Amino acid sequence: MGDWYLNLVVVAAFIVGGIGFPVVFELRRAWRRPREWSLHTKVTLATTALLLFGGTLMVAAVECVGKRLADTDMRAKYQVTVVCIKPDGGSCTYATADTVVGAGDPLVIAGSVEAADRFVEKTGR
């Protein structure tokens, strides 16, 4: 859990194994010429990227859904403060520690541009 090198090796082996030998072989042969890749390789790489990035965004997005802001620890994780939330069908309300985040609720955040970009990248909000 705490050994990043081991985790990175296991994740890389998992991804390469999921992609499969034919795709890895084709990428080795024509790495800089994507126009020469077969349809199988293109679909496999697109699906793998979608699952990896989409899954990561979904986990990050639902990690705060249904929880009070005080319980999400967003300030420590992302260095941003949630200022306001607009629930579906409701009006924009100031966020307090007891505010509960709903799925798809737009958030107004305050923080540095870099922190805000990181927050949007990780949570998809």
N, C-alpha and C. Protein backbone atom coordinates (compact mmCIF):
# COMPACT_ATOMS: atom_id res chain seq x y z
N MET A 1 0.82 -1.19 0.00
CA MET A 1 0.00 0.00 0.00
C MET A 1 0.86 1.26 0.00
N GLY A 2 1.98 1.24 0.70
CA GLY A 2 2.81 2.42 0.77
C GLY A 2 4.01 2.39 -0.16
N ASP A 3 4.25 1.27 -0.84
CA ASP A 3 5.40 1.15 -1.72
C ASP A 3 4.99 1.54 -3.14
N TRP A 4 5.27 2.80 -3.50
CA TRP A 4 4.84 3.33 -4.79
C TRP A 4 5.48 2.62 -5.97
N TYR A 5 6.73 2.24 -5.82
CA TYR A 5 7.41 1.56 -6.93
C TYR A 5 6.74 0.22 -7.23
N LEU A 6 6.47 -0.56 -6.20
CA LEU A 6 5.82 -1.85 -6.39
C LEU A 6 4.42 -1.66 -6.96
N ASN A 7 3.68 -0.69 -6.43
CA ASN A 7 2.33 -0.43 -6.96
C ASN A 7 2.37 -0.03 -8.43
N LEU A 8 3.34 0.80 -8.80
CA LEU A 8 3.47 1.24 -10.18
C LEU A 8 3.77 0.07 -11.12
N VAL A 9 4.65 -0.83 -10.69
CA VAL A 9 4.99 -2.01 -11.49
C VAL A 9 3.76 -2.91 -11.66
N VAL A 10 3.03 -3.14 -10.59
CA VAL A 10 1.84 -4.00 -10.66
C VAL A 10 0.78 -3.38 -11.57
N VAL A 11 0.55 -2.06 -11.44
CA VAL A 11 -0.44 -1.39 -12.29
C VAL A 11 -0.02 -1.44 -13.75
N ALA A 12 1.26 -1.18 -14.03
CA ALA A 12 1.75 -1.23 -15.41
C ALA A 12 1.59 -2.63 -15.99
N ALA A 13 1.91 -3.66 -15.21
CA ALA A 13 1.75 -5.04 -15.68
C ALA A 13 0.28 -5.35 -15.94
N PHE A 14 -0.59 -4.86 -15.09
CA PHE A 14 -2.03 -5.07 -15.26
C PHE A 14 -2.53 -4.42 -16.54
N ILE A 15 -2.10 -3.19 -16.79
CA ILE A 15 -2.56 -2.46 -17.99
C ILE A 15 -2.01 -3.10 -19.25
N VAL A 16 -0.72 -3.39 -19.26
CA VAL A 16 -0.11 -4.01 -20.45
C VAL A 16 -0.72 -5.39 -20.69
N GLY A 17 -0.96 -6.14 -19.62
CA GLY A 17 -1.61 -7.45 -19.78
C GLY A 17 -3.02 -7.32 -20.31
N GLY A 18 -3.73 -6.28 -19.89
CA GLY A 18 -5.08 -6.07 -20.38
C GLY A 18 -5.12 -5.64 -21.84
N ILE A 19 -4.11 -4.90 -22.25
CA ILE A 19 -4.03 -4.48 -23.65
C ILE A 19 -3.76 -5.69 -24.54
N GLY A 20 -2.88 -6.54 -24.11
CA GLY A 20 -2.63 -7.79 -24.84
C GLY A 20 -1.40 -7.74 -25.72
N PHE A 21 -0.85 -8.93 -25.96
CA PHE A 21 0.38 -9.07 -26.74
C PHE A 21 0.26 -8.54 -28.17
N PRO A 22 -0.81 -8.84 -28.91
CA PRO A 22 -0.88 -8.34 -30.29
C PRO A 22 -0.80 -6.81 -30.38
N VAL A 23 -1.45 -6.11 -29.46
CA VAL A 23 -1.43 -4.65 -29.49
C VAL A 23 -0.05 -4.13 -29.09
N VAL A 24 0.53 -4.71 -28.06
CA VAL A 24 1.87 -4.31 -27.63
C VAL A 24 2.88 -4.54 -28.75
N PHE A 25 2.78 -5.66 -29.44
CA PHE A 25 3.69 -5.95 -30.55
C PHE A 25 3.51 -4.95 -31.68
N GLU A 26 2.27 -4.63 -32.00
CA GLU A 26 2.01 -3.66 -33.07
C GLU A 26 2.50 -2.26 -32.68
N LEU A 27 2.33 -1.88 -31.42
CA LEU A 27 2.83 -0.58 -30.96
C LEU A 27 4.35 -0.52 -31.03
N ARG A 28 5.00 -1.62 -30.70
CA ARG A 28 6.46 -1.67 -30.80
C ARG A 28 6.92 -1.49 -32.25
N ARG A 29 6.16 -2.07 -33.15
CA ARG A 29 6.53 -2.03 -34.57
C ARG A 29 6.23 -0.66 -35.20
N ALA A 30 5.12 -0.03 -34.85
CA ALA A 30 4.70 1.20 -35.52
C ALA A 30 4.32 2.27 -34.51
N TRP A 31 5.13 2.49 -33.50
CA TRP A 31 4.81 3.43 -32.42
C TRP A 31 4.53 4.84 -32.93
N ARG A 32 5.34 5.33 -33.83
CA ARG A 32 5.21 6.72 -34.29
C ARG A 32 4.33 6.85 -35.54
N ARG A 33 3.70 5.79 -35.95
CA ARG A 33 2.85 5.83 -37.14
C ARG A 33 1.45 5.29 -36.82
N PRO A 34 0.65 6.06 -36.10
CA PRO A 34 -0.69 5.58 -35.70
C PRO A 34 -1.61 5.27 -36.88
N ARG A 35 -1.35 5.87 -38.02
CA ARG A 35 -2.19 5.57 -39.19
C ARG A 35 -2.04 4.13 -39.64
N GLU A 36 -0.94 3.51 -39.27
CA GLU A 36 -0.70 2.12 -39.65
C GLU A 36 -1.25 1.13 -38.63
N TRP A 37 -1.76 1.62 -37.50
CA TRP A 37 -2.31 0.72 -36.49
C TRP A 37 -3.60 0.07 -37.00
N SER A 38 -3.82 -1.15 -36.60
CA SER A 38 -5.05 -1.84 -37.00
C SER A 38 -6.23 -1.29 -36.20
N LEU A 39 -7.42 -1.60 -36.67
CA LEU A 39 -8.63 -1.18 -35.97
C LEU A 39 -8.66 -1.78 -34.56
N HIS A 40 -8.21 -3.02 -34.44
CA HIS A 40 -8.17 -3.69 -33.13
C HIS A 40 -7.31 -2.89 -32.14
N THR A 41 -6.14 -2.44 -32.58
CA THR A 41 -5.24 -1.68 -31.72
C THR A 41 -5.87 -0.35 -31.32
N LYS A 42 -6.46 0.34 -32.28
CA LYS A 42 -7.08 1.63 -32.00
C LYS A 42 -8.23 1.49 -31.01
N VAL A 43 -9.08 0.50 -31.21
CA VAL A 43 -10.22 0.30 -30.32
C VAL A 43 -9.75 -0.12 -28.93
N THR A 44 -8.75 -1.00 -28.87
CA THR A 44 -8.23 -1.45 -27.58
C THR A 44 -7.63 -0.29 -26.80
N LEU A 45 -6.83 0.55 -27.44
CA LEU A 45 -6.21 1.68 -26.76
C LEU A 45 -7.25 2.72 -26.33
N ALA A 46 -8.22 2.99 -27.19
CA ALA A 46 -9.27 3.96 -26.85
C ALA A 46 -10.10 3.46 -25.67
N THR A 47 -10.46 2.20 -25.68
CA THR A 47 -11.25 1.63 -24.60
C THR A 47 -10.47 1.61 -23.29
N THR A 48 -9.20 1.24 -23.37
CA THR A 48 -8.35 1.22 -22.18
C THR A 48 -8.24 2.62 -21.59
N ALA A 49 -7.99 3.62 -22.43
CA ALA A 49 -7.88 5.00 -21.95
C ALA A 49 -9.20 5.48 -21.34
N LEU A 50 -10.30 5.17 -21.99
CA LEU A 50 -11.62 5.56 -21.47
C LEU A 50 -11.87 4.94 -20.10
N LEU A 51 -11.58 3.67 -19.96
CA LEU A 51 -11.82 2.99 -18.68
C LEU A 51 -10.89 3.52 -17.59
N LEU A 52 -9.64 3.75 -17.93
CA LEU A 52 -8.69 4.24 -16.92
C LEU A 52 -9.05 5.64 -16.45
N PHE A 53 -9.20 6.57 -17.39
CA PHE A 53 -9.46 7.96 -17.03
C PHE A 53 -10.90 8.16 -16.55
N GLY A 54 -11.84 7.53 -17.23
CA GLY A 54 -13.24 7.64 -16.81
C GLY A 54 -13.47 7.05 -15.43
N GLY A 55 -12.86 5.91 -15.18
CA GLY A 55 -12.99 5.28 -13.86
C GLY A 55 -12.38 6.14 -12.77
N THR A 56 -11.24 6.72 -13.05
CA THR A 56 -10.59 7.60 -12.07
C THR A 56 -11.45 8.81 -11.78
N LEU A 57 -12.01 9.42 -12.82
CA LEU A 57 -12.88 10.59 -12.62
C LEU A 57 -14.14 10.22 -11.85
N MET A 58 -14.71 9.06 -12.14
CA MET A 58 -15.92 8.65 -11.44
C MET A 58 -15.66 8.41 -9.96
N VAL A 59 -14.55 7.76 -9.65
CA VAL A 59 -14.22 7.52 -8.24
C VAL A 59 -14.03 8.84 -7.52
N ALA A 60 -13.30 9.76 -8.15
CA ALA A 60 -13.07 11.06 -7.52
C ALA A 60 -14.36 11.85 -7.39
N ALA A 61 -15.24 11.75 -8.38
CA ALA A 61 -16.48 12.52 -8.35
C ALA A 61 -17.45 12.01 -7.29
N VAL A 62 -17.52 10.71 -7.11
CA VAL A 62 -18.48 10.17 -6.15
C VAL A 62 -17.90 10.08 -4.75
N GLU A 63 -16.63 10.40 -4.58
CA GLU A 63 -16.04 10.30 -3.26
C GLU A 63 -16.66 11.30 -2.29
N CYS A 64 -17.24 12.39 -2.78
CA CYS A 64 -17.84 13.38 -1.88
C CYS A 64 -19.36 13.40 -1.97
N VAL A 65 -19.97 12.62 -2.85
CA VAL A 65 -21.42 12.63 -3.01
C VAL A 65 -22.09 12.00 -1.79
N GLY A 66 -23.08 12.70 -1.28
CA GLY A 66 -23.82 12.20 -0.13
C GLY A 66 -23.14 12.43 1.21
N LYS A 67 -22.02 13.13 1.20
CA LYS A 67 -21.29 13.40 2.44
C LYS A 67 -21.35 14.89 2.76
N ARG A 68 -21.19 15.19 4.04
CA ARG A 68 -21.06 16.58 4.44
C ARG A 68 -19.70 17.08 4.01
N LEU A 69 -19.60 18.36 3.68
CA LEU A 69 -18.31 18.92 3.25
C LEU A 69 -17.24 18.73 4.32
N ALA A 70 -17.62 18.81 5.58
CA ALA A 70 -16.65 18.62 6.66
C ALA A 70 -16.04 17.22 6.64
N ASP A 71 -16.80 16.24 6.15
CA ASP A 71 -16.33 14.85 6.13
C ASP A 71 -15.51 14.52 4.87
N THR A 72 -15.52 15.39 3.87
CA THR A 72 -14.82 15.08 2.62
C THR A 72 -13.35 15.47 2.65
N ASP A 73 -12.97 16.39 3.49
CA ASP A 73 -11.57 16.83 3.62
C ASP A 73 -11.03 17.40 2.30
N MET A 74 -11.88 18.13 1.56
CA MET A 74 -11.48 18.69 0.27
C MET A 74 -10.35 19.70 0.40
N ARG A 75 -10.33 20.47 1.46
CA ARG A 75 -9.27 21.46 1.62
C ARG A 75 -7.90 20.80 1.69
N ALA A 76 -7.80 19.73 2.43
CA ALA A 76 -6.51 19.05 2.56
C ALA A 76 -6.14 18.30 1.28
N LYS A 77 -7.12 17.67 0.63
CA LYS A 77 -6.83 16.87 -0.57
C LYS A 77 -6.52 17.72 -1.80
N TYR A 78 -7.31 18.77 -2.00
CA TYR A 78 -7.23 19.54 -3.24
C TYR A 78 -6.80 20.99 -3.06
N GLN A 79 -6.67 21.47 -1.84
CA GLN A 79 -6.33 22.86 -1.53
C GLN A 79 -7.34 23.85 -2.12
N VAL A 80 -8.62 23.48 -2.08
CA VAL A 80 -9.68 24.38 -2.53
C VAL A 80 -10.76 24.43 -1.45
N THR A 81 -11.55 25.49 -1.47
CA THR A 81 -12.66 25.64 -0.55
C THR A 81 -13.94 25.73 -1.37
N VAL A 82 -14.94 24.94 -1.01
CA VAL A 82 -16.23 25.02 -1.68
C VAL A 82 -16.97 26.21 -1.09
N VAL A 83 -17.30 27.17 -1.95
CA VAL A 83 -17.94 28.40 -1.51
C VAL A 83 -19.45 28.28 -1.60
N CYS A 84 -19.94 27.64 -2.65
CA CYS A 84 -21.37 27.65 -2.93
C CYS A 84 -21.73 26.38 -3.70
N ILE A 85 -22.95 25.89 -3.50
CA ILE A 85 -23.46 24.71 -4.21
C ILE A 85 -24.84 25.06 -4.76
N LYS A 86 -25.13 24.58 -5.97
CA LYS A 86 -26.45 24.78 -6.56
C LYS A 86 -27.07 23.41 -6.81
N PRO A 87 -27.87 22.91 -5.86
CA PRO A 87 -28.50 21.61 -6.05
C PRO A 87 -29.46 21.61 -7.23
N ASP A 88 -29.71 20.44 -7.81
CA ASP A 88 -30.66 20.32 -8.92
C ASP A 88 -32.02 20.90 -8.52
N GLY A 89 -32.50 21.83 -9.30
CA GLY A 89 -33.80 22.43 -9.06
C GLY A 89 -33.82 23.45 -7.93
N GLY A 90 -32.68 23.68 -7.30
CA GLY A 90 -32.64 24.62 -6.18
C GLY A 90 -31.88 25.88 -6.56
N SER A 91 -31.75 26.75 -5.58
CA SER A 91 -31.00 27.97 -5.81
C SER A 91 -29.60 27.82 -5.22
N CYS A 92 -28.72 28.69 -5.64
CA CYS A 92 -27.34 28.66 -5.17
C CYS A 92 -27.31 29.01 -3.68
N THR A 93 -26.69 28.14 -2.88
CA THR A 93 -26.61 28.37 -1.44
C THR A 93 -25.15 28.35 -1.00
N TYR A 94 -24.84 29.16 0.01
CA TYR A 94 -23.49 29.18 0.55
C TYR A 94 -23.21 27.85 1.22
N ALA A 95 -22.01 27.35 1.00
CA ALA A 95 -21.63 26.06 1.57
C ALA A 95 -21.14 26.23 3.00
N THR A 96 -21.60 25.35 3.85
CA THR A 96 -21.12 25.30 5.23
C THR A 96 -20.53 23.90 5.46
N ALA A 97 -20.00 23.68 6.62
CA ALA A 97 -19.43 22.37 6.94
C ALA A 97 -20.49 21.28 6.90
N ASP A 98 -21.76 21.64 7.14
CA ASP A 98 -22.85 20.65 7.15
C ASP A 98 -23.53 20.47 5.80
N THR A 99 -23.11 21.20 4.78
CA THR A 99 -23.71 21.07 3.46
C THR A 99 -23.39 19.70 2.88
N VAL A 100 -24.42 19.04 2.35
CA VAL A 100 -24.25 17.72 1.74
C VAL A 100 -24.19 17.89 0.23
N VAL A 101 -23.17 17.27 -0.39
CA VAL A 101 -22.98 17.37 -1.84
C VAL A 101 -23.79 16.28 -2.53
N GLY A 102 -24.60 16.69 -3.51
CA GLY A 102 -25.38 15.73 -4.28
C GLY A 102 -24.69 15.40 -5.59
N ALA A 103 -25.09 14.29 -6.20
CA ALA A 103 -24.51 13.88 -7.49
C ALA A 103 -24.86 14.92 -8.54
N GLY A 104 -23.86 15.44 -9.21
CA GLY A 104 -24.08 16.40 -10.28
C GLY A 104 -24.30 17.82 -9.82
N ASP A 105 -24.21 18.09 -8.54
CA ASP A 105 -24.37 19.46 -8.05
C ASP A 105 -23.18 20.31 -8.49
N PRO A 106 -23.42 21.41 -9.20
CA PRO A 106 -22.31 22.30 -9.55
C PRO A 106 -21.74 22.95 -8.29
N LEU A 107 -20.44 23.03 -8.21
CA LEU A 107 -19.76 23.61 -7.06
C LEU A 107 -19.03 24.88 -7.48
N VAL A 108 -19.07 25.90 -6.64
CA VAL A 108 -18.24 27.09 -6.83
C VAL A 108 -17.12 26.96 -5.81
N ILE A 109 -15.86 26.94 -6.32
CA ILE A 109 -14.73 26.72 -5.43
C ILE A 109 -13.80 27.93 -5.44
N ALA A 110 -13.03 28.07 -4.37
CA ALA A 110 -12.03 29.13 -4.26
C ALA A 110 -10.69 28.47 -3.97
N GLY A 111 -9.66 29.00 -4.61
CA GLY A 111 -8.31 28.47 -4.44
C GLY A 111 -7.44 28.98 -5.56
N SER A 112 -6.20 28.55 -5.58
CA SER A 112 -5.30 28.96 -6.66
C SER A 112 -5.77 28.34 -7.97
N VAL A 113 -5.33 28.90 -9.07
CA VAL A 113 -5.70 28.37 -10.38
C VAL A 113 -5.21 26.94 -10.53
N GLU A 114 -4.01 26.67 -10.06
CA GLU A 114 -3.45 25.32 -10.16
C GLU A 114 -4.27 24.33 -9.34
N ALA A 115 -4.65 24.73 -8.13
CA ALA A 115 -5.45 23.85 -7.27
C ALA A 115 -6.83 23.61 -7.88
N ALA A 116 -7.43 24.66 -8.44
CA ALA A 116 -8.74 24.52 -9.07
C ALA A 116 -8.66 23.61 -10.28
N ASP A 117 -7.61 23.75 -11.08
CA ASP A 117 -7.43 22.88 -12.24
C ASP A 117 -7.27 21.42 -11.80
N ARG A 118 -6.49 21.20 -10.74
CA ARG A 118 -6.30 19.84 -10.21
C ARG A 118 -7.64 19.26 -9.72
N PHE A 119 -8.42 20.10 -9.04
CA PHE A 119 -9.72 19.65 -8.52
C PHE A 119 -10.63 19.24 -9.66
N VAL A 120 -10.71 20.08 -10.69
CA VAL A 120 -11.58 19.78 -11.85
C VAL A 120 -11.07 18.53 -12.57
N GLU A 121 -9.77 18.42 -12.71
CA GLU A 121 -9.20 17.25 -13.39
C GLU A 121 -9.50 15.95 -12.63
N LYS A 122 -9.41 16.00 -11.31
CA LYS A 122 -9.62 14.78 -10.51
C LYS A 122 -11.08 14.45 -10.29
N THR A 123 -11.94 15.47 -10.18
CA THR A 123 -13.34 15.20 -9.85
C THR A 123 -14.28 15.31 -11.03
N GLY A 124 -13.86 15.96 -12.11
CA GLY A 124 -14.73 16.12 -13.26
C GLY A 124 -15.84 17.13 -13.02
N ARG A 125 -15.72 17.96 -11.99
CA ARG A 125 -16.75 18.97 -11.68
C ARG A 125 -16.33 20.32 -12.19
